[in-house]
C-alpha atoms as a PDB file:
ATOM      1  CA  UNK A   1      -0.183   4.386 -14.109  1.00  0.00           C
ATOM      2  CA  UNK A   2      -3.191   3.217 -12.074  1.00  0.00           C
ATOM      3  CA  UNK A   3      -4.464   6.771 -11.575  1.00  0.00           C
ATOM      4  CA  UNK A   4      -4.797   7.343 -15.324  1.00  0.00           C
ATOM      5  CA  UNK A   5      -7.142   4.367 -15.691  1.00  0.00           C
ATOM      6  CA  UNK A   6      -9.177   5.650 -12.728  1.00  0.00           C
ATOM      7  CA  UNK A   7      -9.377   9.159 -14.219  1.00  0.00           C
ATOM      8  CA  UNK A   8     -10.398   7.844 -17.648  1.00  0.00           C
ATOM      9  CA  UNK A   9     -13.079   5.630 -16.077  1.00  0.00           C
ATOM     10  CA  UNK A  10     -14.515   8.582 -14.112  1.00  0.00           C
ATOM     11  CA  UNK A  11     -14.578  10.810 -17.202  1.00  0.00           C
ATOM     12  CA  UNK A  12     -16.152   8.040 -19.316  1.00  0.00           C
ATOM     13  CA  UNK A  13     -18.898   7.426 -16.755  1.00  0.00           C
ATOM     14  CA  UNK A  14     -19.696  11.115 -16.341  1.00  0.00           C
ATOM     15  CA  UNK A  15     -19.686  11.649 -20.116  1.00  0.00           C
ATOM     16  CA  UNK A  16     -22.132   8.773 -20.620  1.00  0.00           C
ATOM     17  CA  UNK A  17     -24.548  10.294 -18.103  1.00  0.00           C
ATOM     18  CA  UNK A  18     -24.023  13.771 -19.583  1.00  0.00           C
ATOM     19  CA  UNK A  19     -25.012  12.470 -23.031  1.00  0.00           C
ATOM     20  CA  UNK A  20     -28.128  10.774 -21.678  1.00  0.00           C
ATOM     21  CA  UNK A  21     -29.161  13.982 -19.874  1.00  0.00           C
ATOM     22  CA  UNK A  22     -28.219  16.344 -22.680  1.00  0.00           C
ATOM     23  CA  UNK A  23     -25.796  18.148 -20.352  1.00  0.00           C
ATOM     24  CA  UNK A  24     -23.497  20.720 -21.929  1.00  0.00           C
ATOM     25  CA  UNK A  25     -20.813  20.732 -19.256  1.00  0.00           C
ATOM     26  CA  UNK A  26     -19.698  19.717 -15.805  1.00  0.00           C
ATOM     27  CA  UNK A  27     -18.538  22.121 -13.110  1.00  0.00           C
ATOM     28  CA  UNK A  28     -17.362  19.616 -10.498  1.00  0.00           C
ATOM     29  CA  UNK A  29     -17.082  15.940  -9.654  1.00  0.00           C
ATOM     30  CA  UNK A  30     -16.851  14.670  -6.080  1.00  0.00           C
ATOM     31  CA  UNK A  31     -15.119  11.345  -5.494  1.00  0.00           C
ATOM     32  CA  UNK A  32     -14.843   9.221  -2.394  1.00  0.00           C
ATOM     33  CA  UNK A  33     -11.392   7.621  -2.404  1.00  0.00           C
ATOM     34  CA  UNK A  34     -10.604   5.003   0.207  1.00  0.00           C
ATOM     35  CA  UNK A  35      -7.329   5.281   2.044  1.00  0.00           C
ATOM     36  CA  UNK A  36      -6.626   1.643   1.107  1.00  0.00           C
ATOM     37  CA  UNK A  37      -7.580   2.006  -2.588  1.00  0.00           C
ATOM     38  CA  UNK A  38      -3.984   2.625  -3.640  1.00  0.00           C
ATOM     39  CA  UNK A  39      -4.752   5.943  -5.349  1.00  0.00           C
ATOM     40  CA  UNK A  40      -2.289   8.838  -5.072  1.00  0.00           C
ATOM     41  CA  UNK A  41      -4.296  12.073  -4.909  1.00  0.00           C
ATOM     42  CA  UNK A  42      -1.832  14.336  -6.763  1.00  0.00           C
ATOM     43  CA  UNK A  43      -1.347  11.779  -9.520  1.00  0.00           C
ATOM     44  CA  UNK A  44      -5.120  11.366  -9.871  1.00  0.00           C
ATOM     45  CA  UNK A  45      -5.617  15.144 -10.153  1.00  0.00           C
ATOM     46  CA  UNK A  46      -2.935  15.360 -12.853  1.00  0.00           C
ATOM     47  CA  UNK A  47      -4.379  12.426 -14.801  1.00  0.00           C
ATOM     48  CA  UNK A  48      -7.917  13.785 -14.440  1.00  0.00           C
ATOM     49  CA  UNK A  49      -6.949  16.995 -16.235  1.00  0.00           C
ATOM     50  CA  UNK A  50      -5.430  14.991 -19.087  1.00  0.00           C
ATOM     51  CA  UNK A  51      -8.418  12.636 -19.318  1.00  0.00           C
ATOM     52  CA  UNK A  52     -10.862  15.582 -19.465  1.00  0.00           C
ATOM     53  CA  UNK A  53      -9.261  17.253 -22.470  1.00  0.00           C
ATOM     54  CA  UNK A  54     -11.740  17.587 -25.318  1.00  0.00           C
ATOM     55  CA  UNK A  55     -14.662  16.160 -23.338  1.00  0.00           C
ATOM     56  CA  UNK A  56     -17.796  17.630 -21.777  1.00  0.00           C
ATOM     57  CA  UNK A  57     -15.934  17.275 -18.463  1.00  0.00           C
ATOM     58  CA  UNK A  58     -13.076  19.584 -19.511  1.00  0.00           C
ATOM     59  CA  UNK A  59     -12.599  22.366 -16.963  1.00  0.00           C
ATOM     60  CA  UNK A  60     -14.447  20.539 -14.180  1.00  0.00           C
ATOM     61  CA  UNK A  61     -13.075  20.643 -10.655  1.00  0.00           C
ATOM     62  CA  UNK A  62     -12.175  17.267  -9.136  1.00  0.00           C
ATOM     63  CA  UNK A  63     -12.931  17.167  -5.411  1.00  0.00           C
ATOM     64  CA  UNK A  64     -11.762  14.094  -3.529  1.00  0.00           C
ATOM     65  CA  UNK A  65     -12.675  12.994  -0.029  1.00  0.00           C
ATOM     66  CA  UNK A  66     -10.468  10.414   1.642  1.00  0.00           C
ATOM     67  CA  UNK A  67     -12.426   7.636   3.333  1.00  0.00           C
ATOM     68  CA  UNK A  68     -10.444   6.235   6.271  1.00  0.00           C
ATOM     69  CA  UNK A  69      -9.794   2.517   6.370  1.00  0.00           C
ATOM     70  CA  UNK A  70     -11.571   0.670   9.164  1.00  0.00           C
ATOM     71  CA  UNK A  71     -11.669  -3.006  10.080  1.00  0.00           C
ATOM     72  CA  UNK A  72     -13.912  -5.120  12.285  1.00  0.00           C
ATOM     73  CA  UNK A  73     -13.122  -7.840  14.792  1.00  0.00           C
ATOM     74  CA  UNK A  74     -16.013 -10.278  15.263  1.00  0.00           C
ATOM     75  CA  UNK A  75     -14.893 -11.712  18.630  1.00  0.00           C
ATOM     76  CA  UNK A  76     -14.522  -8.229  20.168  1.00  0.00           C
ATOM     77  CA  UNK A  77     -17.338  -6.674  18.138  1.00  0.00           C
ATOM     78  CA  UNK A  78     -15.059  -3.661  17.650  1.00  0.00           C
ATOM     79  CA  UNK A  79     -14.106  -1.474  14.679  1.00  0.00           C
ATOM     80  CA  UNK A  80     -10.774   0.331  14.458  1.00  0.00           C
ATOM     81  CA  UNK A  81      -8.936   2.670  12.090  1.00  0.00           C
ATOM     82  CA  UNK A  82      -6.361   0.590  10.254  1.00  0.00           C
ATOM     83  CA  UNK A  83      -4.195   3.518   9.054  1.00  0.00           C
ATOM     84  CA  UNK A  84      -1.389   3.323   6.522  1.00  0.00           C
ATOM     85  CA  UNK A  85       0.348   0.970   6.390  1.00  0.00           C
ATOM     86  CA  UNK A  86      -2.741  -0.981   7.455  1.00  0.00           C
ATOM     87  CA  UNK A  87      -2.887  -2.556  10.927  1.00  0.00           C
ATOM     88  CA  UNK A  88      -5.060  -5.599  10.349  1.00  0.00           C
ATOM     89  CA  UNK A  89      -4.747  -7.179  13.805  1.00  0.00           C
ATOM     90  CA  UNK A  90      -7.369  -6.228  16.370  1.00  0.00           C
ATOM     91  CA  UNK A  91      -5.849  -3.856  18.928  1.00  0.00           C
ATOM     92  CA  UNK A  92      -8.034  -5.491  21.608  1.00  0.00           C
ATOM     93  CA  UNK A  93      -7.363  -9.215  21.157  1.00  0.00           C
ATOM     94  CA  UNK A  94      -4.733  -9.485  18.410  1.00  0.00           C
ATOM     95  CA  UNK A  95      -6.948 -11.549  16.072  1.00  0.00           C
ATOM     96  CA  UNK A  96      -6.831 -10.781  12.349  1.00  0.00           C
ATOM     97  CA  UNK A  97      -9.613  -8.532  11.065  1.00  0.00           C
ATOM     98  CA  UNK A  98     -12.723 -10.369   9.947  1.00  0.00           C
ATOM     99  CA  UNK A  99     -13.754  -7.616   7.592  1.00  0.00           C
ATOM    100  CA  UNK A 100     -12.526  -4.380   6.059  1.00  0.00           C
ATOM    101  CA  UNK A 101     -15.483  -2.085   6.680  1.00  0.00           C
ATOM    102  CA  UNK A 102     -14.247   0.924   4.723  1.00  0.00           C
ATOM    103  CA  UNK A 103     -11.232   2.309   2.953  1.00  0.00           C
ATOM    104  CA  UNK A 104     -11.379   0.565  -0.428  1.00  0.00           C
ATOM    105  CA  UNK A 105     -13.986   2.903  -1.946  1.00  0.00           C
ATOM    106  CA  UNK A 106     -13.570   4.575  -5.286  1.00  0.00           C
ATOM    107  CA  UNK A 107     -16.945   6.090  -5.978  1.00  0.00           C
ATOM    108  CA  UNK A 108     -18.376   9.086  -7.796  1.00  0.00           C
ATOM    109  CA  UNK A 109     -20.339  10.808  -5.042  1.00  0.00           C
ATOM    110  CA  UNK A 110     -21.719  13.824  -6.920  1.00  0.00           C
ATOM    111  CA  UNK A 111     -21.617  15.546 -10.294  1.00  0.00           C
ATOM    112  CA  UNK A 112     -22.563  19.199 -10.693  1.00  0.00           C
ATOM    113  CA  UNK A 113     -23.786  20.017 -14.173  1.00  0.00           C
ATOM    114  CA  UNK A 114     -22.988  23.334 -15.836  1.00  0.00           C
ATOM    115  CA  UNK A 115     -25.724  25.846 -16.499  1.00  0.00           C
ATOM    116  CA  UNK A 116     -26.367  25.728 -20.285  1.00  0.00           C
ATOM    117  CA  UNK A 117     -26.031  29.524 -20.636  1.00  0.00           C
ATOM    118  CA  UNK A 118     -22.819  29.648 -18.598  1.00  0.00           C
ATOM    119  CA  UNK A 119     -21.390  26.673 -20.502  1.00  0.00           C
ATOM    120  CA  UNK A 120     -21.831  28.546 -23.795  1.00  0.00           C
ATOM    121  CA  UNK A 121     -19.715  31.395 -22.434  1.00  0.00           C
ATOM    122  CA  UNK A 122     -17.069  28.916 -21.238  1.00  0.00           C
ATOM    123  CA  UNK A 123     -16.557  27.281 -24.611  1.00  0.00           C
ATOM    124  CA  UNK A 124     -13.239  28.076 -26.202  1.00  0.00           C
ATOM    125  CA  UNK A 125     -13.205  30.011 -29.414  1.00  0.00           C
ATOM    126  CA  UNK A 126     -11.432  28.315 -32.318  1.00  0.00           C
ATOM    127  CA  UNK A 127      -7.968  29.572 -33.171  1.00  0.00           C
ATOM    128  CA  UNK A 128      -7.878  31.051 -36.636  1.00  0.00           C
ATOM    129  CA  UNK A 129      -4.877  31.685 -38.819  1.00  0.00           C
ATOM    130  CA  UNK A 130      -4.206  35.248 -39.818  1.00  0.00           C
ATOM    131  CA  UNK A 131      -3.693  35.721 -43.537  1.00  0.00           C
END
């Protein structure tokens, strides 16, 4: 599943930064996800929860923003929304797009770090066996 590798990569990157900053937790991660990136939002959210388990990112909210796909036609000097499935021919002159301007993004936009005191309260208590 493509979304699992994306989720694991996001968690790995955030964990690496968290270690370098001495962060104790993460409250939210904002991602820009291009409409043409081939990522299914619900599948990514599910995989993100699995990838977070046992990490400093566990319990963080994943907030995604869809970036619309746009293309550019050099002869017309026009940009247009390509949509899904993508329309890659210029609506003005019918020439194939010279460039995809946006829509392939997959970028961590923002990470909100947990307050150290609040993170201590959030930590799970170990389960003990009763004798």
